[in-house]
Amino acid sequence: MAGQVRHLKVKNGRFYARIAVPAHLRQIIGKTELVTPLGGERRAAMKALPAAVAMLQRQIATAEASTAGDRQAGPNGPITTADYGRAVWQRYTAALAEDEAKRDRLPSVDAIEVEQDKLMQRAQAGQIALADPLAVLDASLDLLVMKDAQAFDQSARQAKLDALRADLTENRTHLVEHEIDAYLDRHSLTAPEGSAERATLAKRIMRAEIEALQRTLERDQGNYGGKPADPIVTPPAGNPEALLPVKISSLWSGYVKSRVNAGFMKDGGIRQRPVIENLRKFLGHNDARQITRRNLLDWRDELLKTLSAKTTNDIYLSTVRSMLKWAHDEELLPENVAATVRQPKPKKQRAEPRRVCRRLQLLSKVEHH
């Protein structure tokens, strides 16, 4: 029950910030979750929670970055003016969606009453030492957290809003570094630490977070009609519904997993992996949404300069067709642009047609008689 407040852990009357470690990083970090103590005083713990969570998220981002050498190499492009606007709007809308999902997870009045009844039943059954204040507190923690979950959440959001405003004036960006890394990774962009581009992106994402947090506080009062006052927090011009990239490397990982689960690709896709690396290198990006049929035709023609028609069609084009078909079937892409991209293979010519061979055999028999 204590987990109802996101990233908050309560144990033996003490408060902790915690965050789950993604499965693919657990071997690197050596843990399934990261935990930071926040003390035993509730208000102080809630005030310290956002900064503690940001620190833990930064640790995960660092571990993620350390695995970059093991990933399929792919070119990252420089960040552009359009990327700034897209980053702001995506973070603003994502933060509001996260808030909506979090509100859905908050304990309802009915759930609180059920927990209260359970506590009373335990007390009546003599399972709680009522004469021991610490035992009563320990038994009541889940109920207390459920009752105060909404207040906890509101306090955490207000504390984060105050911290972001202070950091914005002091040019501190630690609360959004994990969001910066995530955005750059999703869009295959680069903005090195210490660069002006990264500093600009950080401040804009912070302003988006501030606006989103203000909307959430308005929602606490039943007002869901608030609009951003900050002029930079607007939908990208000409493309308000910009879609997130679909990484080619991620598609390949998902496709391989599905094939392995079905009893195929027993080598885990090792044999075909160079095909995907070659395609990404040719395209110059890692976004499957941007692949066009023309791109694949040009890639095919490039392959034919060094490979046979059979290898080009049966290995390279076939692998990409299958991967994109899987992505389309899984509704990860709107279409399979590789469906009709093929390379005709020359037919094997017999040295002597079958009919001619048959006639020669008959002539040979006649001559011998």
Protein backbone atom coordinates (compact mmCIF):
# COMPACT_ATOMS: atom_id res chain seq x y z
CA MET A 1 0.00 0.00 0.00
CA ALA A 2 2.88 2.35 0.80
CA GLY A 3 3.86 2.27 -2.85
CA GLN A 4 0.71 4.23 -3.76
CA VAL A 5 2.83 7.41 -3.60
CA ARG A 6 5.11 7.14 -6.58
CA HIS A 7 8.77 6.50 -5.73
CA LEU A 8 8.03 6.59 -1.97
CA LYS A 9 8.83 3.67 0.30
CA VAL A 10 7.84 3.48 3.96
CA LYS A 11 9.41 0.88 6.22
CA ASN A 12 9.45 0.72 10.01
CA GLY A 13 8.40 4.34 10.27
CA ARG A 14 11.19 5.56 7.97
CA PHE A 15 10.77 7.10 4.53
CA TYR A 16 12.82 6.30 1.43
CA ALA A 17 12.96 7.39 -2.20
CA ARG A 18 13.07 4.40 -4.50
CA ILE A 19 13.07 3.72 -8.22
CA ALA A 20 13.00 0.39 -10.06
CA VAL A 21 16.04 -0.51 -12.14
CA PRO A 22 15.15 -1.51 -15.73
CA ALA A 23 15.66 -5.23 -16.32
CA HIS A 24 18.42 -4.74 -18.90
CA LEU A 25 20.47 -2.65 -16.43
CA ARG A 26 20.15 -4.83 -13.33
CA GLN A 27 23.28 -6.83 -14.10
CA ILE A 28 25.25 -3.60 -14.53
CA ILE A 29 23.90 -1.83 -11.42
CA GLY A 30 23.66 -5.01 -9.37
CA LYS A 31 20.26 -4.18 -7.89
CA THR A 32 16.60 -4.41 -8.79
CA GLU A 33 15.86 -1.01 -7.26
CA LEU A 34 17.76 2.04 -6.01
CA VAL A 35 16.86 3.45 -2.59
CA THR A 36 17.79 6.66 -0.75
CA PRO A 37 16.81 7.32 2.90
CA LEU A 38 14.68 10.42 3.53
CA GLY A 39 14.45 10.26 7.32
CA GLY A 40 11.57 9.67 9.68
CA GLU A 41 9.70 12.97 9.40
CA ARG A 42 6.97 12.87 6.78
CA ARG A 43 6.94 16.50 5.62
CA ALA A 44 10.71 16.67 5.35
CA ALA A 45 10.70 13.38 3.44
CA MET A 46 8.09 14.60 0.96
CA LYS A 47 10.03 17.82 0.39
CA ALA A 48 13.24 15.91 -0.29
CA LEU A 49 11.58 13.25 -2.46
CA PRO A 50 11.77 14.97 -5.92
CA ALA A 51 15.50 15.74 -5.66
CA ALA A 52 16.24 12.25 -4.35
CA VAL A 53 14.31 10.63 -7.20
CA ALA A 54 16.12 12.83 -9.73
CA MET A 55 19.46 11.67 -8.30
CA LEU A 56 18.43 8.02 -8.62
CA GLN A 57 17.18 8.57 -12.17
CA ARG A 58 20.52 10.15 -13.00
CA GLN A 59 22.29 7.00 -11.78
CA ILE A 60 20.13 4.91 -14.09
CA ALA A 61 20.78 7.28 -17.00
CA THR A 62 24.53 6.98 -16.36
CA ALA A 63 24.30 3.19 -16.38
CA GLU A 64 22.26 3.35 -19.58
CA ALA A 65 24.91 5.52 -21.20
CA SER A 66 27.65 3.07 -20.16
CA THR A 67 25.99 0.37 -22.26
CA ALA A 68 26.16 2.46 -25.42
CA GLY A 69 29.22 0.58 -26.60
CA ASP A 70 27.27 -2.68 -26.55
CA ARG A 71 24.43 -1.33 -28.65
CA GLN A 72 24.23 -1.29 -32.38
CA ALA A 73 26.17 1.74 -33.49
CA GLY A 74 24.19 4.43 -35.21
CA PRO A 75 24.79 8.07 -36.09
CA ASN A 76 23.30 10.75 -33.84
CA GLY A 77 22.49 14.11 -35.37
CA PRO A 78 22.86 17.59 -33.87
CA ILE A 79 19.87 19.12 -32.13
CA THR A 80 17.94 21.75 -34.11
CA THR A 81 15.58 24.62 -33.32
CA ALA A 82 12.62 22.41 -34.24
CA ASP A 83 13.82 19.80 -31.76
CA TYR A 84 13.62 22.32 -28.91
CA GLY A 85 9.96 23.00 -29.61
CA ARG A 86 9.18 19.33 -30.00
CA ALA A 87 10.96 18.48 -26.73
CA VAL A 88 8.99 21.12 -24.81
CA TRP A 89 5.58 20.00 -26.04
CA GLN A 90 6.32 16.29 -25.65
CA ARG A 91 7.48 16.79 -22.06
CA TYR A 92 4.48 18.98 -21.20
CA THR A 93 1.93 16.52 -22.58
CA ALA A 94 3.76 13.50 -21.15
CA ALA A 95 3.84 15.06 -17.67
CA LEU A 96 0.09 15.67 -17.80
CA ALA A 97 -0.51 12.09 -18.95
CA GLU A 98 1.66 10.82 -16.08
CA ASP A 99 -0.37 12.90 -13.64
CA GLU A 100 -3.62 11.48 -15.01
CA ALA A 101 -2.34 7.93 -14.65
CA LYS A 102 -1.09 8.61 -11.14
CA ARG A 103 -4.46 9.98 -10.06
CA ASP A 104 -6.08 6.79 -11.32
CA ARG A 105 -3.79 4.80 -9.03
CA LEU A 106 -4.56 6.80 -5.88
CA PRO A 107 -6.56 4.78 -3.32
CA SER A 108 -10.31 5.32 -3.50
CA VAL A 109 -12.58 5.97 -0.53
CA ASP A 110 -13.81 2.37 -0.77
CA ALA A 111 -10.26 1.00 -0.73
CA ILE A 112 -9.44 3.09 2.34
CA GLU A 113 -12.53 1.79 4.14
CA VAL A 114 -11.58 -1.80 3.31
CA GLU A 115 -8.09 -1.27 4.72
CA GLN A 116 -9.56 0.35 7.82
CA ASP A 117 -11.86 -2.64 8.36
CA LYS A 118 -8.90 -5.00 8.04
CA LEU A 119 -7.00 -3.03 10.66
CA MET A 120 -9.95 -3.13 13.06
CA GLN A 121 -10.32 -6.88 12.55
CA ARG A 122 -6.64 -7.43 13.34
CA ALA A 123 -6.97 -5.31 16.48
CA GLN A 124 -10.08 -7.19 17.62
CA ALA A 125 -8.33 -10.51 16.99
CA GLY A 126 -5.49 -9.46 19.27
CA GLN A 127 -2.97 -9.39 16.42
CA ILE A 128 -1.85 -5.86 17.33
CA ALA A 129 -0.27 -4.96 20.68
CA LEU A 130 -2.52 -1.98 21.42
CA ALA A 131 -0.51 -1.07 24.51
CA ASP A 132 2.60 -0.56 22.37
CA PRO A 133 2.45 2.78 20.46
CA LEU A 134 5.16 1.66 18.03
CA ALA A 135 3.29 -1.56 17.23
CA VAL A 136 0.10 0.41 16.62
CA LEU A 137 1.97 2.85 14.37
CA ASP A 138 3.61 0.05 12.41
CA ALA A 139 0.27 -1.72 11.89
CA SER A 140 -1.40 1.54 10.85
CA LEU A 141 1.22 2.75 8.37
CA ASP A 142 -0.48 1.35 5.27
CA LEU A 143 -3.79 2.93 6.24
CA LEU A 144 -2.15 6.26 7.08
CA VAL A 145 -0.33 6.34 3.76
CA MET A 146 -3.53 5.49 1.87
CA LYS A 147 -5.44 8.25 3.66
CA ASP A 148 -2.71 10.80 3.00
CA ALA A 149 -1.70 9.58 -0.47
CA GLN A 150 -3.37 12.47 -2.26
CA ALA A 151 -1.90 15.02 0.16
CA PHE A 152 1.52 13.38 -0.16
CA ASP A 153 1.32 13.55 -3.93
CA GLN A 154 0.21 17.17 -3.91
CA SER A 155 3.01 18.12 -1.50
CA ALA A 156 5.57 16.34 -3.69
CA ARG A 157 4.38 18.16 -6.80
CA GLN A 158 4.44 21.52 -5.03
CA ALA A 159 7.94 20.81 -3.72
CA LYS A 160 9.14 19.85 -7.19
CA LEU A 161 7.57 22.99 -8.68
CA ASP A 162 9.35 25.17 -6.11
CA ALA A 163 12.64 23.34 -6.72
CA LEU A 164 12.38 23.72 -10.51
CA ARG A 165 11.67 27.43 -10.23
CA ALA A 166 14.66 27.89 -7.94
CA ASP A 167 16.90 25.79 -10.19
CA LEU A 168 15.81 27.72 -13.28
CA THR A 169 17.03 30.99 -11.75
CA GLU A 170 20.29 29.38 -10.58
CA ASN A 171 21.03 27.51 -13.84
CA ARG A 172 20.84 24.11 -12.11
CA THR A 173 19.54 21.30 -14.30
CA HIS A 174 19.92 18.11 -12.21
CA LEU A 175 16.15 17.60 -11.90
CA VAL A 176 15.71 17.18 -15.67
CA GLU A 177 18.99 15.57 -16.77
CA HIS A 178 17.31 12.17 -17.09
CA GLU A 179 14.60 13.72 -19.29
CA ILE A 180 17.25 15.32 -21.50
CA ASP A 181 19.07 12.02 -21.96
CA ALA A 182 15.81 10.21 -22.67
CA TYR A 183 14.77 12.75 -25.32
CA LEU A 184 18.15 12.72 -27.06
CA ASP A 185 18.18 8.91 -27.03
CA ARG A 186 14.63 8.58 -28.41
CA HIS A 187 15.35 10.95 -31.28
CA SER A 188 18.96 9.87 -31.96
CA LEU A 189 20.26 13.37 -31.23
CA THR A 190 23.40 14.61 -29.53
CA ALA A 191 23.93 17.51 -27.11
CA PRO A 192 27.18 16.99 -25.14
CA GLU A 193 27.34 17.91 -21.48
CA GLY A 194 28.50 21.49 -21.05
CA SER A 195 27.34 22.51 -24.52
CA ALA A 196 25.09 25.51 -25.17
CA GLU A 197 22.61 23.22 -26.93
CA ARG A 198 22.21 21.01 -23.87
CA ALA A 199 21.82 24.03 -21.56
CA THR A 200 19.11 25.46 -23.81
CA LEU A 201 17.28 22.14 -24.00
CA ALA A 202 17.48 21.74 -20.21
CA LYS A 203 15.95 25.14 -19.50
CA ARG A 204 13.14 24.59 -21.98
CA ILE A 205 12.29 21.19 -20.55
CA MET A 206 12.30 22.75 -17.06
CA ARG A 207 9.83 25.40 -18.22
CA ALA A 208 7.63 22.66 -19.69
CA GLU A 209 7.75 20.78 -16.37
CA ILE A 210 6.84 23.95 -14.47
CA GLU A 211 3.81 24.57 -16.67
CA ALA A 212 2.69 20.94 -16.36
CA LEU A 213 3.03 21.01 -12.57
CA GLN A 214 0.93 24.17 -12.45
CA ARG A 215 -1.77 22.36 -14.42
CA THR A 216 -1.69 19.46 -11.94
CA LEU A 217 -2.19 21.83 -9.00
CA GLU A 218 -5.15 23.35 -10.85
CA ARG A 219 -6.55 19.83 -11.27
CA ASP A 220 -6.41 19.45 -7.48
CA GLN A 221 -9.03 22.22 -7.39
CA GLY A 222 -11.15 20.56 -10.09
CA ASN A 223 -9.92 22.87 -12.87
CA TYR A 224 -8.97 20.85 -15.95
CA GLY A 225 -9.16 23.74 -18.41
CA GLY A 226 -5.86 25.46 -17.68
CA LYS A 227 -3.58 26.49 -20.54
CA PRO A 228 0.18 27.19 -20.57
CA ALA A 229 1.10 30.81 -19.86
CA ASP A 230 4.73 30.36 -20.90
CA PRO A 231 4.95 31.30 -24.61
CA ILE A 232 7.40 28.49 -25.45
CA VAL A 233 5.01 25.77 -24.27
CA THR A 234 2.98 25.38 -27.46
CA PRO A 235 2.42 22.58 -30.00
CA PRO A 236 5.13 22.45 -32.70
CA ALA A 237 4.17 24.70 -35.61
CA GLY A 238 2.68 22.81 -38.53
CA ASN A 239 2.86 19.45 -36.78
CA PRO A 240 1.02 19.52 -33.46
CA GLU A 241 0.71 15.74 -33.36
CA ALA A 242 4.37 14.94 -34.00
CA LEU A 243 4.88 11.23 -33.51
CA LEU A 244 7.68 9.81 -31.43
CA PRO A 245 10.38 7.99 -33.38
CA VAL A 246 10.30 4.21 -33.59
CA LYS A 247 13.87 3.04 -33.27
CA ILE A 248 15.06 0.57 -35.87
CA SER A 249 17.32 -1.00 -33.24
CA SER A 250 14.37 -1.43 -30.87
CA LEU A 251 12.25 -2.96 -33.62
CA TRP A 252 15.02 -5.42 -34.37
CA SER A 253 15.31 -6.42 -30.70
CA GLY A 254 11.55 -6.94 -30.46
CA TYR A 255 11.41 -8.87 -33.72
CA VAL A 256 14.27 -11.16 -32.70
CA LYS A 257 12.63 -11.83 -29.34
CA SER A 258 9.36 -12.78 -31.03
CA ARG A 259 11.15 -15.15 -33.42
CA VAL A 260 13.17 -16.76 -30.64
CA ASN A 261 10.00 -17.26 -28.60
CA ALA A 262 8.42 -18.93 -31.63
CA GLY A 263 11.31 -21.38 -31.86
CA PHE A 264 13.25 -19.69 -34.66
CA MET A 265 16.46 -17.63 -34.77
CA LYS A 266 18.25 -19.93 -32.36
CA ASP A 267 21.37 -17.74 -32.65
CA GLY A 268 19.45 -14.75 -31.32
CA GLY A 269 19.61 -12.89 -34.62
CA ILE A 270 23.40 -12.73 -34.72
CA ARG A 271 23.60 -13.83 -38.38
CA GLN A 272 21.18 -11.16 -39.61
CA ARG A 273 22.27 -8.37 -37.28
CA PRO A 274 24.82 -6.95 -39.79
CA VAL A 275 21.89 -6.43 -42.18
CA ILE A 276 20.24 -4.00 -39.78
CA GLU A 277 23.54 -2.27 -39.03
CA ASN A 278 24.14 -1.86 -42.76
CA LEU A 279 20.67 -0.38 -43.27
CA ARG A 280 21.08 2.10 -40.41
CA LYS A 281 24.46 3.18 -41.69
CA PHE A 282 23.03 3.71 -45.17
CA LEU A 283 20.01 5.67 -43.88
CA GLY A 284 22.03 7.83 -41.51
CA HIS A 285 19.36 7.66 -38.78
CA ASN A 286 17.63 5.20 -36.45
CA ASP A 287 13.94 6.06 -36.96
CA ALA A 288 11.82 3.42 -38.69
CA ARG A 289 9.04 5.97 -39.23
CA GLN A 290 11.29 7.86 -41.64
CA ILE A 291 12.06 4.87 -43.86
CA THR A 292 10.47 5.16 -47.31
CA ARG A 293 10.17 2.68 -50.13
CA ARG A 294 12.54 4.89 -52.13
CA ASN A 295 15.12 4.58 -49.34
CA LEU A 296 14.97 0.80 -49.57
CA LEU A 297 15.20 0.77 -53.35
CA ASP A 298 18.30 2.97 -53.17
CA TRP A 299 19.75 0.70 -50.47
CA ARG A 300 19.09 -2.33 -52.66
CA ASP A 301 20.93 -0.71 -55.57
CA GLU A 302 23.85 0.11 -53.29
CA LEU A 303 24.02 -3.48 -52.04
CA LEU A 304 24.10 -4.82 -55.60
CA LYS A 305 27.42 -3.05 -56.16
CA THR A 306 29.14 -5.56 -53.88
CA LEU A 307 26.67 -8.41 -53.34
CA SER A 308 24.93 -10.89 -55.62
CA ALA A 309 21.26 -10.50 -56.46
CA LYS A 310 20.50 -13.68 -54.50
CA THR A 311 22.24 -12.47 -51.32
CA THR A 312 20.68 -9.03 -51.64
CA ASN A 313 17.16 -10.42 -51.96
CA ASP A 314 17.27 -13.57 -49.84
CA ILE A 315 19.21 -12.17 -46.89
CA TYR A 316 19.20 -8.35 -46.82
CA LEU A 317 15.82 -7.42 -48.28
CA SER A 318 14.13 -10.48 -46.80
CA THR A 319 15.34 -9.65 -43.28
CA VAL A 320 14.11 -6.06 -43.45
CA ARG A 321 10.79 -7.10 -45.03
CA SER A 322 10.18 -9.56 -42.21
CA MET A 323 11.10 -7.08 -39.48
CA LEU A 324 8.90 -4.31 -40.87
CA LYS A 325 6.03 -6.76 -41.45
CA TRP A 326 6.25 -7.77 -37.79
CA ALA A 327 6.29 -4.11 -36.76
CA HIS A 328 3.21 -3.42 -38.89
CA ASP A 329 1.40 -6.50 -37.55
CA GLU A 330 2.18 -5.34 -34.00
CA GLU A 331 0.82 -1.85 -34.87
CA LEU A 332 4.20 -0.25 -34.23
CA LEU A 333 4.29 1.16 -37.76
CA PRO A 334 1.39 2.25 -40.00
CA GLU A 335 2.64 0.22 -42.99
CA ASN A 336 5.35 -2.11 -44.24
CA VAL A 337 7.17 0.00 -46.83
CA ALA A 338 9.39 -2.98 -47.69
CA ALA A 339 6.52 -5.27 -48.67
CA THR A 340 7.12 -4.97 -52.43
CA VAL A 341 10.85 -4.20 -52.45
CA ARG A 342 12.57 -7.18 -54.05
CA GLN A 343 15.50 -8.00 -56.30
CA PRO A 344 14.82 -10.47 -59.13
CA LYS A 345 17.32 -13.30 -59.24
CA PRO A 346 18.63 -14.68 -62.55
CA LYS A 347 17.16 -18.08 -63.33
CA LYS A 348 19.54 -20.96 -63.60
CA GLN A 349 19.94 -22.01 -67.23
CA ARG A 350 20.36 -25.70 -68.00
CA ALA A 351 23.28 -26.48 -70.24
CA GLU A 352 20.90 -28.44 -72.52
CA PRO A 353 17.11 -28.15 -72.43
CA ARG A 354 15.42 -31.40 -71.39
CA ARG A 355 13.72 -31.89 -74.78
CA VAL A 356 17.01 -31.56 -76.68
CA CYS A 357 18.68 -34.02 -74.32
CA ARG A 358 15.91 -36.53 -74.96
CA ARG A 359 16.29 -36.25 -78.76
CA LEU A 360 20.06 -36.70 -78.54
CA GLN A 361 19.55 -39.84 -76.50
CA LEU A 362 17.20 -41.26 -79.16
CA LEU A 363 19.63 -40.41 -81.97
CA SER A 364 22.40 -42.12 -80.09
CA LYS A 365 20.37 -45.31 -79.82
CA VAL A 366 19.56 -45.25 -83.57
CA GLU A 367 23.23 -44.89 -84.50
CA HIS A 368 24.17 -47.90 -82.39
CA HIS A 369 21.64 -50.06 -84.21
